[in-house]
Amino acid sequence: MSDQTVTDIEKMSFEQALRELETIVRQLEGGEVELEKSIEIYERGAKLKSHCEARLKAAELKIEQIVQGPDGKPTTESASFE
């Protein structure tokens, strides 16, 4: 894939990338795509997946949860989703 293609993906919102990834999955599952095209869109799908994972991780780091501190007062700490 070209540098321009990667740049295009990096500019996508999470929702845009996810929609395109879902379209690629449907195309590949349908089995109607020629081999060379399948390889090309699979590679783009892998890049889209990585982009979505990075966007989710960035969002996770921004989210804070409010907890009750040892003194009973509310405080914030990074959210843990594990």
C-alpha atoms as a PDB file:
ATOM      1  CA  MET A   1       0.000   0.000   0.000  1.00  0.00           C
ATOM      2  CA  SER A   2       1.182   3.472  -0.727  1.00  0.00           C
ATOM      3  CA  ASP A   3       2.132   6.081   1.848  1.00  0.00           C
ATOM      4  CA  GLN A   4      -0.907   8.062   0.677  1.00  0.00           C
ATOM      5  CA  THR A   5      -3.210   5.168   1.554  1.00  0.00           C
ATOM      6  CA  VAL A   6      -1.753   4.933   5.061  1.00  0.00           C
ATOM      7  CA  THR A   7      -2.111   8.705   5.459  1.00  0.00           C
ATOM      8  CA  ASP A   8      -5.739   8.464   4.377  1.00  0.00           C
ATOM      9  CA  ILE A   9      -6.403   5.818   7.021  1.00  0.00           C
ATOM     10  CA  GLU A  10      -4.679   7.876   9.725  1.00  0.00           C
ATOM     11  CA  LYS A  11      -7.036  10.769   8.979  1.00  0.00           C
ATOM     12  CA  MET A  12     -10.145   8.592   9.382  1.00  0.00           C
ATOM     13  CA  SER A  13     -12.348   8.711  12.432  1.00  0.00           C
ATOM     14  CA  PHE A  14     -12.869   5.461  14.295  1.00  0.00           C
ATOM     15  CA  GLU A  15     -16.386   5.179  12.858  1.00  0.00           C
ATOM     16  CA  GLN A  16     -15.237   5.715   9.259  1.00  0.00           C
ATOM     17  CA  ALA A  17     -12.474   3.127   9.586  1.00  0.00           C
ATOM     18  CA  LEU A  18     -14.803   0.621  11.224  1.00  0.00           C
ATOM     19  CA  ARG A  19     -17.432   1.011   8.474  1.00  0.00           C
ATOM     20  CA  GLU A  20     -14.824   0.413   5.778  1.00  0.00           C
ATOM     21  CA  LEU A  21     -13.420  -2.562   7.688  1.00  0.00           C
ATOM     22  CA  GLU A  22     -16.908  -4.071   7.939  1.00  0.00           C
ATOM     23  CA  THR A  23     -17.357  -3.621   4.177  1.00  0.00           C
ATOM     24  CA  ILE A  24     -14.051  -5.381   3.526  1.00  0.00           C
ATOM     25  CA  VAL A  25     -15.025  -8.281   5.793  1.00  0.00           C
ATOM     26  CA  ARG A  26     -18.349  -8.685   3.942  1.00  0.00           C
ATOM     27  CA  GLN A  27     -16.537  -8.677   0.584  1.00  0.00           C
ATOM     28  CA  LEU A  28     -14.027 -11.288   1.699  1.00  0.00           C
ATOM     29  CA  GLU A  29     -16.674 -13.480   3.324  1.00  0.00           C
ATOM     30  CA  GLY A  30     -18.770 -13.294   0.168  1.00  0.00           C
ATOM     31  CA  GLY A  31     -16.010 -15.010  -1.783  1.00  0.00           C
ATOM     32  CA  GLU A  32     -16.821 -13.062  -4.945  1.00  0.00           C
ATOM     33  CA  VAL A  33     -13.582 -11.034  -5.014  1.00  0.00           C
ATOM     34  CA  GLU A  34     -10.696 -12.065  -7.254  1.00  0.00           C
ATOM     35  CA  LEU A  35      -7.530 -13.289  -5.531  1.00  0.00           C
ATOM     36  CA  GLU A  36      -5.364 -10.234  -6.211  1.00  0.00           C
ATOM     37  CA  LYS A  37      -8.134  -7.872  -5.104  1.00  0.00           C
ATOM     38  CA  SER A  38      -8.713 -10.031  -2.007  1.00  0.00           C
ATOM     39  CA  ILE A  39      -5.072  -9.688  -1.016  1.00  0.00           C
ATOM     40  CA  GLU A  40      -5.174  -5.929  -1.588  1.00  0.00           C
ATOM     41  CA  ILE A  41      -8.305  -5.345   0.468  1.00  0.00           C
ATOM     42  CA  TYR A  42      -7.129  -7.765   3.175  1.00  0.00           C
ATOM     43  CA  GLU A  43      -3.966  -5.668   3.594  1.00  0.00           C
ATOM     44  CA  ARG A  44      -6.055  -2.499   3.816  1.00  0.00           C
ATOM     45  CA  GLY A  45      -8.324  -4.226   6.327  1.00  0.00           C
ATOM     46  CA  ALA A  46      -5.314  -5.063   8.497  1.00  0.00           C
ATOM     47  CA  LYS A  47      -4.268  -1.404   8.471  1.00  0.00           C
ATOM     48  CA  LEU A  48      -7.817  -0.302   9.284  1.00  0.00           C
ATOM     49  CA  LYS A  49      -7.957  -2.786  12.186  1.00  0.00           C
ATOM     50  CA  SER A  50      -4.710  -1.427  13.602  1.00  0.00           C
ATOM     51  CA  HIS A  51      -6.010   2.123  13.238  1.00  0.00           C
ATOM     52  CA  CYS A  52      -9.239   1.259  15.074  1.00  0.00           C
ATOM     53  CA  GLU A  53      -7.314  -0.430  17.885  1.00  0.00           C
ATOM     54  CA  ALA A  54      -5.060   2.626  18.263  1.00  0.00           C
ATOM     55  CA  ARG A  55      -8.056   4.989  18.345  1.00  0.00           C
ATOM     56  CA  LEU A  56      -9.735   2.841  21.008  1.00  0.00           C
ATOM     57  CA  LYS A  57      -6.561   2.746  23.112  1.00  0.00           C
ATOM     58  CA  ALA A  58      -6.226   6.533  22.884  1.00  0.00           C
ATOM     59  CA  ALA A  59      -9.835   6.959  23.981  1.00  0.00           C
ATOM     60  CA  GLU A  60      -9.324   4.529  26.850  1.00  0.00           C
ATOM     61  CA  LEU A  61      -6.386   6.561  28.116  1.00  0.00           C
ATOM     62  CA  LYS A  62      -8.496   9.719  28.130  1.00  0.00           C
ATOM     63  CA  ILE A  63     -11.329   8.255  30.140  1.00  0.00           C
ATOM     64  CA  GLU A  64     -11.144   8.667  33.863  1.00  0.00           C
ATOM     65  CA  GLN A  65     -13.349   7.130  36.458  1.00  0.00           C
ATOM     66  CA  ILE A  66     -14.444   8.799  39.639  1.00  0.00           C
ATOM     67  CA  VAL A  67     -13.678   6.790  42.739  1.00  0.00           C
ATOM     68  CA  GLN A  68     -13.991   7.330  46.438  1.00  0.00           C
ATOM     69  CA  GLY A  69     -10.596   7.994  47.997  1.00  0.00           C
ATOM     70  CA  PRO A  70      -9.419   6.599  51.322  1.00  0.00           C
ATOM     71  CA  ASP A  71     -10.527   9.819  53.015  1.00  0.00           C
ATOM     72  CA  GLY A  72     -14.038   9.414  51.594  1.00  0.00           C
ATOM     73  CA  LYS A  73     -13.651  12.260  49.119  1.00  0.00           C
ATOM     74  CA  PRO A  74     -14.126  11.700  45.402  1.00  0.00           C
ATOM     75  CA  THR A  75     -11.000  11.509  43.309  1.00  0.00           C
ATOM     76  CA  THR A  76     -10.194  10.443  39.755  1.00  0.00           C
ATOM     77  CA  GLU A  77      -7.959   7.737  38.391  1.00  0.00           C
ATOM     78  CA  SER A  78      -7.350   6.235  34.994  1.00  0.00           C
ATOM     79  CA  ALA A  79      -9.996   3.776  33.979  1.00  0.00           C
ATOM     80  CA  SER A  80      -9.051   0.138  33.722  1.00  0.00           C
ATOM     81  CA  PHE A  81     -10.946  -1.942  31.149  1.00  0.00           C
ATOM     82  CA  GLU A  82      -9.158  -5.225  31.717  1.00  0.00           C
END
